[in-house]
mmCIF file of all heavy atoms, coordinates in Angstrom:
data_MODEL
# 
_entry.id   MODEL 
# 
loop_
_atom_site.group_PDB 
_atom_site.id 
_atom_site.type_symbol 
_atom_site.label_atom_id 
_atom_site.label_alt_id 
_atom_site.label_comp_id 
_atom_site.label_asym_id 
_atom_site.label_entity_id 
_atom_site.label_seq_id 
_atom_site.pdbx_PDB_ins_code 
_atom_site.Cartn_x 
_atom_site.Cartn_y 
_atom_site.Cartn_z 
_atom_site.occupancy 
_atom_site.B_iso_or_equiv 
_atom_site.pdbx_formal_charge 
_atom_site.auth_seq_id 
_atom_site.auth_comp_id 
_atom_site.auth_asym_id 
_atom_site.auth_atom_id 
_atom_site.pdbx_PDB_model_num 
ATOM 1   N N   . GLU A 1 1  ? -66.183 225.538 21.465 1.00 0.00 ? 1  GLU A N   1 
ATOM 2   C CA  . GLU A 1 1  ? -65.392 225.893 22.638 1.00 0.00 ? 1  GLU A CA  1 
ATOM 3   C C   . GLU A 1 1  ? -66.284 225.882 23.869 1.00 0.00 ? 1  GLU A C   1 
ATOM 4   O O   . GLU A 1 1  ? -67.333 226.530 23.886 1.00 0.00 ? 1  GLU A O   1 
ATOM 5   C CB  . GLU A 1 1  ? -64.744 227.265 22.460 1.00 0.00 ? 1  GLU A CB  1 
ATOM 6   C CG  . GLU A 1 1  ? -63.817 227.654 23.596 1.00 0.00 ? 1  GLU A CG  1 
ATOM 7   C CD  . GLU A 1 1  ? -63.058 228.943 23.310 1.00 0.00 ? 1  GLU A CD  1 
ATOM 8   O OE1 . GLU A 1 1  ? -63.368 229.620 22.306 1.00 0.00 ? 1  GLU A OE1 1 
ATOM 9   O OE2 . GLU A 1 1  ? -62.140 229.252 24.098 1.00 0.00 ? 1  GLU A OE2 1 
ATOM 10  N N   . ASP A 1 2  ? -65.872 225.123 24.887 1.00 0.00 ? 2  ASP A N   1 
ATOM 11  C CA  . ASP A 1 2  ? -66.644 225.006 26.127 1.00 0.00 ? 2  ASP A CA  1 
ATOM 12  C C   . ASP A 1 2  ? -68.078 224.564 25.871 1.00 0.00 ? 2  ASP A C   1 
ATOM 13  O O   . ASP A 1 2  ? -69.029 225.028 26.501 1.00 0.00 ? 2  ASP A O   1 
ATOM 14  C CB  . ASP A 1 2  ? -66.636 226.324 26.893 1.00 0.00 ? 2  ASP A CB  1 
ATOM 15  C CG  . ASP A 1 2  ? -65.241 226.739 27.339 1.00 0.00 ? 2  ASP A CG  1 
ATOM 16  O OD1 . ASP A 1 2  ? -64.418 225.832 27.607 1.00 0.00 ? 2  ASP A OD1 1 
ATOM 17  O OD2 . ASP A 1 2  ? -64.982 227.957 27.410 1.00 0.00 ? 2  ASP A OD2 1 
ATOM 18  N N   . GLY A 1 3  ? -68.241 223.660 24.897 1.00 0.00 ? 3  GLY A N   1 
ATOM 19  C CA  . GLY A 1 3  ? -69.556 223.120 24.599 1.00 0.00 ? 3  GLY A CA  1 
ATOM 20  C C   . GLY A 1 3  ? -70.451 224.024 23.784 1.00 0.00 ? 3  GLY A C   1 
ATOM 21  O O   . GLY A 1 3  ? -71.604 223.676 23.502 1.00 0.00 ? 3  GLY A O   1 
ATOM 22  N N   . LYS A 1 4  ? -69.958 225.196 23.378 1.00 0.00 ? 4  LYS A N   1 
ATOM 23  C CA  . LYS A 1 4  ? -70.737 226.136 22.595 1.00 0.00 ? 4  LYS A CA  1 
ATOM 24  C C   . LYS A 1 4  ? -70.149 226.281 21.195 1.00 0.00 ? 4  LYS A C   1 
ATOM 25  O O   . LYS A 1 4  ? -68.937 226.344 21.029 1.00 0.00 ? 4  LYS A O   1 
ATOM 26  C CB  . LYS A 1 4  ? -70.777 227.498 23.283 1.00 0.00 ? 4  LYS A CB  1 
ATOM 27  C CG  . LYS A 1 4  ? -71.449 227.503 24.642 1.00 0.00 ? 4  LYS A CG  1 
ATOM 28  C CD  . LYS A 1 4  ? -71.435 228.898 25.243 1.00 0.00 ? 4  LYS A CD  1 
ATOM 29  C CE  . LYS A 1 4  ? -72.105 228.919 26.616 1.00 0.00 ? 4  LYS A CE  1 
ATOM 30  N NZ  . LYS A 1 4  ? -72.084 230.284 27.223 1.00 0.00 ? 4  LYS A NZ  1 
ATOM 31  N N   . ARG A 1 5  ? -71.038 226.326 20.204 1.00 0.00 ? 5  ARG A N   1 
ATOM 32  C CA  . ARG A 1 5  ? -70.595 226.511 18.827 1.00 0.00 ? 5  ARG A CA  1 
ATOM 33  C C   . ARG A 1 5  ? -70.512 227.994 18.508 1.00 0.00 ? 5  ARG A C   1 
ATOM 34  O O   . ARG A 1 5  ? -71.495 228.746 18.672 1.00 0.00 ? 5  ARG A O   1 
ATOM 35  C CB  . ARG A 1 5  ? -71.542 225.816 17.856 1.00 0.00 ? 5  ARG A CB  1 
ATOM 36  C CG  . ARG A 1 5  ? -71.120 225.988 16.394 1.00 0.00 ? 5  ARG A CG  1 
ATOM 37  C CD  . ARG A 1 5  ? -71.924 225.145 15.459 1.00 0.00 ? 5  ARG A CD  1 
ATOM 38  N NE  . ARG A 1 5  ? -71.518 225.341 14.070 1.00 0.00 ? 5  ARG A NE  1 
ATOM 39  C CZ  . ARG A 1 5  ? -71.936 224.634 13.052 1.00 0.00 ? 5  ARG A CZ  1 
ATOM 40  N NH1 . ARG A 1 5  ? -72.774 223.636 13.286 1.00 0.00 ? 5  ARG A NH1 1 
ATOM 41  N NH2 . ARG A 1 5  ? -71.526 224.873 11.828 1.00 0.00 ? 5  ARG A NH2 1 
ATOM 42  N N   . LEU A 1 6  ? -69.349 228.423 18.034 1.00 0.00 ? 6  LEU A N   1 
ATOM 43  C CA  . LEU A 1 6  ? -69.123 229.803 17.659 1.00 0.00 ? 6  LEU A CA  1 
ATOM 44  C C   . LEU A 1 6  ? -69.054 229.921 16.146 1.00 0.00 ? 6  LEU A C   1 
ATOM 45  O O   . LEU A 1 6  ? -68.436 229.077 15.480 1.00 0.00 ? 6  LEU A O   1 
ATOM 46  C CB  . LEU A 1 6  ? -67.826 230.333 18.281 1.00 0.00 ? 6  LEU A CB  1 
ATOM 47  C CG  . LEU A 1 6  ? -67.676 230.161 19.799 1.00 0.00 ? 6  LEU A CG  1 
ATOM 48  C CD1 . LEU A 1 6  ? -66.295 230.636 20.244 1.00 0.00 ? 6  LEU A CD1 1 
ATOM 49  C CD2 . LEU A 1 6  ? -68.764 230.914 20.544 1.00 0.00 ? 6  LEU A CD2 1 
ATOM 50  N N   . ALA A 1 7  ? -69.697 230.931 15.618 1.00 0.00 ? 7  ALA A N   1 
ATOM 51  C CA  . ALA A 1 7  ? -69.699 231.130 14.168 1.00 0.00 ? 7  ALA A CA  1 
ATOM 52  C C   . ALA A 1 7  ? -68.317 231.549 13.684 1.00 0.00 ? 7  ALA A C   1 
ATOM 53  O O   . ALA A 1 7  ? -67.557 232.197 14.401 1.00 0.00 ? 7  ALA A O   1 
ATOM 54  C CB  . ALA A 1 7  ? -70.727 232.182 13.786 1.00 0.00 ? 7  ALA A CB  1 
ATOM 55  N N   . SER A 1 8  ? -67.977 231.161 12.470 1.00 0.00 ? 8  SER A N   1 
ATOM 56  C CA  . SER A 1 8  ? -66.717 231.576 11.848 1.00 0.00 ? 8  SER A CA  1 
ATOM 57  C C   . SER A 1 8  ? -67.055 232.329 10.571 1.00 0.00 ? 8  SER A C   1 
ATOM 58  O O   . SER A 1 8  ? -67.091 231.766 9.476  1.00 0.00 ? 8  SER A O   1 
ATOM 59  C CB  . SER A 1 8  ? -65.827 230.355 11.562 1.00 0.00 ? 8  SER A CB  1 
ATOM 60  O OG  . SER A 1 8  ? -66.536 229.364 10.821 1.00 0.00 ? 8  SER A OG  1 
ATOM 61  N N   . ASP A 1 9  ? -67.335 233.627 10.714 1.00 0.00 ? 9  ASP A N   1 
ATOM 62  C CA  . ASP A 1 9  ? -67.729 234.439 9.567  1.00 0.00 ? 9  ASP A CA  1 
ATOM 63  C C   . ASP A 1 9  ? -66.541 235.021 8.817  1.00 0.00 ? 9  ASP A C   1 
ATOM 64  O O   . ASP A 1 9  ? -66.707 235.653 7.772  1.00 0.00 ? 9  ASP A O   1 
ATOM 65  C CB  . ASP A 1 9  ? -68.670 235.566 10.012 1.00 0.00 ? 9  ASP A CB  1 
ATOM 66  C CG  . ASP A 1 9  ? -68.059 236.434 11.108 1.00 0.00 ? 9  ASP A CG  1 
ATOM 67  O OD1 . ASP A 1 9  ? -66.990 236.077 11.640 1.00 0.00 ? 9  ASP A OD1 1 
ATOM 68  O OD2 . ASP A 1 9  ? -68.658 237.471 11.437 1.00 0.00 ? 9  ASP A OD2 1 
ATOM 69  N N   . ARG A 1 10 ? -65.336 234.809 9.327  1.00 0.00 ? 10 ARG A N   1 
ATOM 70  C CA  . ARG A 1 10 ? -64.125 235.218 8.635  1.00 0.00 ? 10 ARG A CA  1 
ATOM 71  C C   . ARG A 1 10 ? -62.966 234.346 9.083  1.00 0.00 ? 10 ARG A C   1 
ATOM 72  O O   . ARG A 1 10 ? -63.057 233.640 10.079 1.00 0.00 ? 10 ARG A O   1 
ATOM 73  C CB  . ARG A 1 10 ? -63.811 236.691 8.860  1.00 0.00 ? 10 ARG A CB  1 
ATOM 74  C CG  . ARG A 1 10 ? -63.597 237.090 10.318 1.00 0.00 ? 10 ARG A CG  1 
ATOM 75  C CD  . ARG A 1 10 ? -63.200 238.552 10.467 1.00 0.00 ? 10 ARG A CD  1 
ATOM 76  N NE  . ARG A 1 10 ? -64.137 239.430 9.865  1.00 0.00 ? 10 ARG A NE  1 
ATOM 77  C CZ  . ARG A 1 10 ? -63.823 240.351 8.934  1.00 0.00 ? 10 ARG A CZ  1 
ATOM 78  N NH1 . ARG A 1 10 ? -62.577 240.491 8.565  1.00 0.00 ? 10 ARG A NH1 1 
ATOM 79  N NH2 . ARG A 1 10 ? -64.748 241.126 8.420  1.00 0.00 ? 10 ARG A NH2 1 
ATOM 80  N N   . GLY A 1 11 ? -61.856 234.417 8.364  1.00 0.00 ? 11 GLY A N   1 
ATOM 81  C CA  . GLY A 1 11 ? -60.697 233.607 8.707  1.00 0.00 ? 11 GLY A CA  1 
ATOM 82  C C   . GLY A 1 11 ? -60.680 232.272 7.983  1.00 0.00 ? 11 GLY A C   1 
ATOM 83  O O   . GLY A 1 11 ? -61.680 231.830 7.425  1.00 0.00 ? 11 GLY A O   1 
ATOM 84  N N   . THR A 1 12 ? -59.517 231.621 7.983  1.00 0.00 ? 12 THR A N   1 
ATOM 85  C CA  . THR A 1 12 ? -59.379 230.290 7.408  1.00 0.00 ? 12 THR A CA  1 
ATOM 86  C C   . THR A 1 12 ? -59.591 229.240 8.491  1.00 0.00 ? 12 THR A C   1 
ATOM 87  O O   . THR A 1 12 ? -59.445 229.540 9.673  1.00 0.00 ? 12 THR A O   1 
ATOM 88  C CB  . THR A 1 12 ? -57.990 230.106 6.779  1.00 0.00 ? 12 THR A CB  1 
ATOM 89  O OG1 . THR A 1 12 ? -56.985 230.362 7.768  1.00 0.00 ? 12 THR A OG1 1 
ATOM 90  C CG2 . THR A 1 12 ? -57.790 231.063 5.620  1.00 0.00 ? 12 THR A CG2 1 
ATOM 91  N N   . PRO A 1 13 ? -59.939 227.985 8.105  1.00 0.00 ? 13 PRO A N   1 
ATOM 92  C CA  . PRO A 1 13 ? -60.232 226.958 9.110  1.00 0.00 ? 13 PRO A CA  1 
ATOM 93  C C   . PRO A 1 13 ? -59.074 226.727 10.080 1.00 0.00 ? 13 PRO A C   1 
ATOM 94  O O   . PRO A 1 13 ? -57.960 226.426 9.661  1.00 0.00 ? 13 PRO A O   1 
ATOM 95  C CB  . PRO A 1 13 ? -60.491 225.705 8.259  1.00 0.00 ? 13 PRO A CB  1 
ATOM 96  C CG  . PRO A 1 13 ? -60.878 226.224 6.917  1.00 0.00 ? 13 PRO A CG  1 
ATOM 97  C CD  . PRO A 1 13 ? -60.118 227.486 6.733  1.00 0.00 ? 13 PRO A CD  1 
ATOM 98  N N   . GLN A 1 14 ? -59.315 226.898 11.353 1.00 0.00 ? 14 GLN A N   1 
ATOM 99  C CA  . GLN A 1 14 ? -58.284 226.700 12.360 1.00 0.00 ? 14 GLN A CA  1 
ATOM 100 C C   . GLN A 1 14 ? -57.783 225.262 12.364 1.00 0.00 ? 14 GLN A C   1 
ATOM 101 O O   . GLN A 1 14 ? -58.574 224.328 12.447 1.00 0.00 ? 14 GLN A O   1 
ATOM 102 C CB  . GLN A 1 14 ? -58.825 227.051 13.744 1.00 0.00 ? 14 GLN A CB  1 
ATOM 103 C CG  . GLN A 1 14 ? -59.002 228.544 13.985 1.00 0.00 ? 14 GLN A CG  1 
ATOM 104 C CD  . GLN A 1 14 ? -59.152 228.857 15.451 1.00 0.00 ? 14 GLN A CD  1 
ATOM 105 O OE1 . GLN A 1 14 ? -58.743 228.134 16.323 1.00 0.00 ? 14 GLN A OE1 1 
ATOM 106 N NE2 . GLN A 1 14 ? -59.758 229.972 15.744 1.00 0.00 ? 14 GLN A NE2 1 
ATOM 107 N N   . GLY A 1 15 ? -56.468 225.101 12.277 1.00 0.00 ? 15 GLY A N   1 
ATOM 108 C CA  . GLY A 1 15 ? -55.892 223.762 12.290 1.00 0.00 ? 15 GLY A CA  1 
ATOM 109 C C   . GLY A 1 15 ? -56.156 222.967 11.033 1.00 0.00 ? 15 GLY A C   1 
ATOM 110 O O   . GLY A 1 15 ? -55.803 221.785 10.968 1.00 0.00 ? 15 GLY A O   1 
ATOM 111 N N   . GLY A 1 16 ? -56.772 223.589 10.039 1.00 0.00 ? 16 GLY A N   1 
ATOM 112 C CA  . GLY A 1 16 ? -57.138 222.867 8.830  1.00 0.00 ? 16 GLY A CA  1 
ATOM 113 C C   . GLY A 1 16 ? -55.964 222.680 7.881  1.00 0.00 ? 16 GLY A C   1 
ATOM 114 O O   . GLY A 1 16 ? -55.129 223.570 7.724  1.00 0.00 ? 16 GLY A O   1 
ATOM 115 N N   . LEU A 1 17 ? -55.909 221.529 7.224  1.00 0.00 ? 17 LEU A N   1 
ATOM 116 C CA  . LEU A 1 17 ? -54.849 221.256 6.264  1.00 0.00 ? 17 LEU A CA  1 
ATOM 117 C C   . LEU A 1 17 ? -54.981 222.122 5.019  1.00 0.00 ? 17 LEU A C   1 
ATOM 118 O O   . LEU A 1 17 ? -54.020 222.303 4.280  1.00 0.00 ? 17 LEU A O   1 
ATOM 119 C CB  . LEU A 1 17 ? -54.874 219.774 5.869  1.00 0.00 ? 17 LEU A CB  1 
ATOM 120 C CG  . LEU A 1 17 ? -54.599 218.775 7.006  1.00 0.00 ? 17 LEU A CG  1 
ATOM 121 C CD1 . LEU A 1 17 ? -54.757 217.349 6.507  1.00 0.00 ? 17 LEU A CD1 1 
ATOM 122 C CD2 . LEU A 1 17 ? -53.211 218.975 7.570  1.00 0.00 ? 17 LEU A CD2 1 
ATOM 123 N N   . ILE A 1 18 ? -56.166 222.656 4.793  1.00 0.00 ? 18 ILE A N   1 
ATOM 124 C CA  . ILE A 1 18 ? -56.399 223.471 3.611  1.00 0.00 ? 18 ILE A CA  1 
ATOM 125 C C   . ILE A 1 18 ? -56.084 224.941 3.848  1.00 0.00 ? 18 ILE A C   1 
ATOM 126 O O   . ILE A 1 18 ? -55.980 225.732 2.915  1.00 0.00 ? 18 ILE A O   1 
ATOM 127 C CB  . ILE A 1 18 ? -57.862 223.299 3.136  1.00 0.00 ? 18 ILE A CB  1 
ATOM 128 C CG1 . ILE A 1 18 ? -57.993 223.670 1.647  1.00 0.00 ? 18 ILE A CG1 1 
ATOM 129 C CG2 . ILE A 1 18 ? -58.845 224.098 4.015  1.00 0.00 ? 18 ILE A CG2 1 
ATOM 130 C CD1 . ILE A 1 18 ? -59.341 223.294 1.064  1.00 0.00 ? 18 ILE A CD1 1 
ATOM 131 N N   . SER A 1 19 ? -55.903 225.344 5.108  1.00 0.00 ? 19 SER A N   1 
ATOM 132 C CA  . SER A 1 19 ? -55.689 226.746 5.445  1.00 0.00 ? 19 SER A CA  1 
ATOM 133 C C   . SER A 1 19 ? -54.447 227.364 4.798  1.00 0.00 ? 19 SER A C   1 
ATOM 134 O O   . SER A 1 19 ? -54.514 228.482 4.290  1.00 0.00 ? 19 SER A O   1 
ATOM 135 C CB  . SER A 1 19 ? -55.630 226.929 6.964  1.00 0.00 ? 19 SER A CB  1 
ATOM 136 O OG  . SER A 1 19 ? -56.894 226.714 7.536  1.00 0.00 ? 19 SER A OG  1 
ATOM 137 N N   . PRO A 1 20 ? -53.281 226.689 4.812  1.00 0.00 ? 20 PRO A N   1 
ATOM 138 C CA  . PRO A 1 20 ? -52.092 227.312 4.215  1.00 0.00 ? 20 PRO A CA  1 
ATOM 139 C C   . PRO A 1 20 ? -52.257 227.687 2.752  1.00 0.00 ? 20 PRO A C   1 
ATOM 140 O O   . PRO A 1 20 ? -51.878 228.788 2.348  1.00 0.00 ? 20 PRO A O   1 
ATOM 141 C CB  . PRO A 1 20 ? -51.006 226.243 4.409  1.00 0.00 ? 20 PRO A CB  1 
ATOM 142 C CG  . PRO A 1 20 ? -51.457 225.457 5.587  1.00 0.00 ? 20 PRO A CG  1 
ATOM 143 C CD  . PRO A 1 20 ? -52.943 225.415 5.486  1.00 0.00 ? 20 PRO A CD  1 
ATOM 144 N N   . VAL A 1 21 ? -52.823 226.794 1.946  1.00 0.00 ? 21 VAL A N   1 
ATOM 145 C CA  . VAL A 1 21 ? -52.962 227.103 0.529  1.00 0.00 ? 21 VAL A CA  1 
ATOM 146 C C   . VAL A 1 21 ? -54.039 228.159 0.307  1.00 0.00 ? 21 VAL A C   1 
ATOM 147 O O   . VAL A 1 21 ? -53.914 229.009 -0.585 1.00 0.00 ? 21 VAL A O   1 
ATOM 148 C CB  . VAL A 1 21 ? -53.233 225.823 -0.307 1.00 0.00 ? 21 VAL A CB  1 
ATOM 149 C CG1 . VAL A 1 21 ? -54.543 225.178 0.062  1.00 0.00 ? 21 VAL A CG1 1 
ATOM 150 C CG2 . VAL A 1 21 ? -53.180 226.144 -1.796 1.00 0.00 ? 21 VAL A CG2 1 
ATOM 151 N N   . LEU A 1 22 ? -55.112 228.163 1.114  1.00 0.00 ? 22 LEU A N   1 
ATOM 152 C CA  . LEU A 1 22 ? -56.117 229.217 1.010  1.00 0.00 ? 22 LEU A CA  1 
ATOM 153 C C   . LEU A 1 22 ? -55.510 230.576 1.344  1.00 0.00 ? 22 LEU A C   1 
ATOM 154 O O   . LEU A 1 22 ? -55.824 231.584 0.709  1.00 0.00 ? 22 LEU A O   1 
ATOM 155 C CB  . LEU A 1 22 ? -57.296 228.926 1.936  1.00 0.00 ? 22 LEU A CB  1 
ATOM 156 C CG  . LEU A 1 22 ? -58.207 227.756 1.544  1.00 0.00 ? 22 LEU A CG  1 
ATOM 157 C CD1 . LEU A 1 22 ? -59.294 227.557 2.593  1.00 0.00 ? 22 LEU A CD1 1 
ATOM 158 C CD2 . LEU A 1 22 ? -58.830 227.959 0.170  1.00 0.00 ? 22 LEU A CD2 1 
ATOM 159 N N   . ALA A 1 23 ? -54.644 230.605 2.343  1.00 0.00 ? 23 ALA A N   1 
ATOM 160 C CA  . ALA A 1 23 ? -53.952 231.841 2.705  1.00 0.00 ? 23 ALA A CA  1 
ATOM 161 C C   . ALA A 1 23 ? -53.075 232.324 1.557  1.00 0.00 ? 23 ALA A C   1 
ATOM 162 O O   . ALA A 1 23 ? -53.020 233.524 1.257  1.00 0.00 ? 23 ALA A O   1 
ATOM 163 C CB  . ALA A 1 23 ? -53.116 231.622 3.961  1.00 0.00 ? 23 ALA A CB  1 
ATOM 164 N N   . ASN A 1 24 ? -52.386 231.400 0.901  1.00 0.00 ? 24 ASN A N   1 
ATOM 165 C CA  . ASN A 1 24 ? -51.547 231.762 -0.238 1.00 0.00 ? 24 ASN A CA  1 
ATOM 166 C C   . ASN A 1 24 ? -52.374 232.309 -1.394 1.00 0.00 ? 24 ASN A C   1 
ATOM 167 O O   . ASN A 1 24 ? -51.958 233.244 -2.076 1.00 0.00 ? 24 ASN A O   1 
ATOM 168 C CB  . ASN A 1 24 ? -50.731 230.555 -0.703 1.00 0.00 ? 24 ASN A CB  1 
ATOM 169 C CG  . ASN A 1 24 ? -49.355 230.491 -0.048 1.00 0.00 ? 24 ASN A CG  1 
ATOM 170 O OD1 . ASN A 1 24 ? -48.855 231.477 0.492  1.00 0.00 ? 24 ASN A OD1 1 
ATOM 171 N ND2 . ASN A 1 24 ? -48.736 229.322 -0.099 1.00 0.00 ? 24 ASN A ND2 1 
ATOM 172 N N   . VAL A 1 25 ? -53.544 231.717 -1.624 1.00 0.00 ? 25 VAL A N   1 
ATOM 173 C CA  . VAL A 1 25 ? -54.426 232.206 -2.687 1.00 0.00 ? 25 VAL A CA  1 
ATOM 174 C C   . VAL A 1 25 ? -54.850 233.645 -2.384 1.00 0.00 ? 25 VAL A C   1 
ATOM 175 O O   . VAL A 1 25 ? -54.823 234.519 -3.258 1.00 0.00 ? 25 VAL A O   1 
ATOM 176 C CB  . VAL A 1 25 ? -55.661 231.299 -2.836 1.00 0.00 ? 25 VAL A CB  1 
ATOM 177 C CG1 . VAL A 1 25 ? -56.678 231.941 -3.791 1.00 0.00 ? 25 VAL A CG1 1 
ATOM 178 C CG2 . VAL A 1 25 ? -55.264 229.920 -3.344 1.00 0.00 ? 25 VAL A CG2 1 
ATOM 179 N N   . TYR A 1 26 ? -55.241 233.887 -1.144 1.00 0.00 ? 26 TYR A N   1 
ATOM 180 C CA  . TYR A 1 26 ? -55.706 235.221 -0.741 1.00 0.00 ? 26 TYR A CA  1 
ATOM 181 C C   . TYR A 1 26 ? -54.612 236.263 -0.949 1.00 0.00 ? 26 TYR A C   1 
ATOM 182 O O   . TYR A 1 26 ? -54.842 237.313 -1.562 1.00 0.00 ? 26 TYR A O   1 
ATOM 183 C CB  . TYR A 1 26 ? -56.140 235.180 0.721  1.00 0.00 ? 26 TYR A CB  1 
ATOM 184 C CG  . TYR A 1 26 ? -57.094 236.291 1.122  1.00 0.00 ? 26 TYR A CG  1 
ATOM 185 C CD1 . TYR A 1 26 ? -58.441 236.212 0.808  1.00 0.00 ? 26 TYR A CD1 1 
ATOM 186 C CD2 . TYR A 1 26 ? -56.642 237.403 1.819  1.00 0.00 ? 26 TYR A CD2 1 
ATOM 187 C CE1 . TYR A 1 26 ? -59.322 237.214 1.189  1.00 0.00 ? 26 TYR A CE1 1 
ATOM 188 C CE2 . TYR A 1 26 ? -57.514 238.407 2.202  1.00 0.00 ? 26 TYR A CE2 1 
ATOM 189 C CZ  . TYR A 1 26 ? -58.860 238.307 1.882  1.00 0.00 ? 26 TYR A CZ  1 
ATOM 190 O OH  . TYR A 1 26 ? -59.724 239.317 2.249  1.00 0.00 ? 26 TYR A OH  1 
ATOM 191 N N   . LEU A 1 27 ? -53.412 235.977 -0.467 1.00 0.00 ? 27 LEU A N   1 
ATOM 192 C CA  . LEU A 1 27 ? -52.327 236.943 -0.566 1.00 0.00 ? 27 LEU A CA  1 
ATOM 193 C C   . LEU A 1 27 ? -51.738 237.004 -1.972 1.00 0.00 ? 27 LEU A C   1 
ATOM 194 O O   . LEU A 1 27 ? -51.104 238.001 -2.333 1.00 0.00 ? 27 LEU A O   1 
ATOM 195 C CB  . LEU A 1 27 ? -51.242 236.622 0.459  1.00 0.00 ? 27 LEU A CB  1 
ATOM 196 C CG  . LEU A 1 27 ? -51.666 236.871 1.916  1.00 0.00 ? 27 LEU A CG  1 
ATOM 197 C CD1 . LEU A 1 27 ? -50.567 236.441 2.882  1.00 0.00 ? 27 LEU A CD1 1 
ATOM 198 C CD2 . LEU A 1 27 ? -52.012 238.336 2.139  1.00 0.00 ? 27 LEU A CD2 1 
# 
């Protein structure tokens, strides 16, 4: 974002095709 890399230490991949199924696994 704005040329800076931000760490993602939690959450599912934003906009990722794999996020929905990972969310289902978690819940």
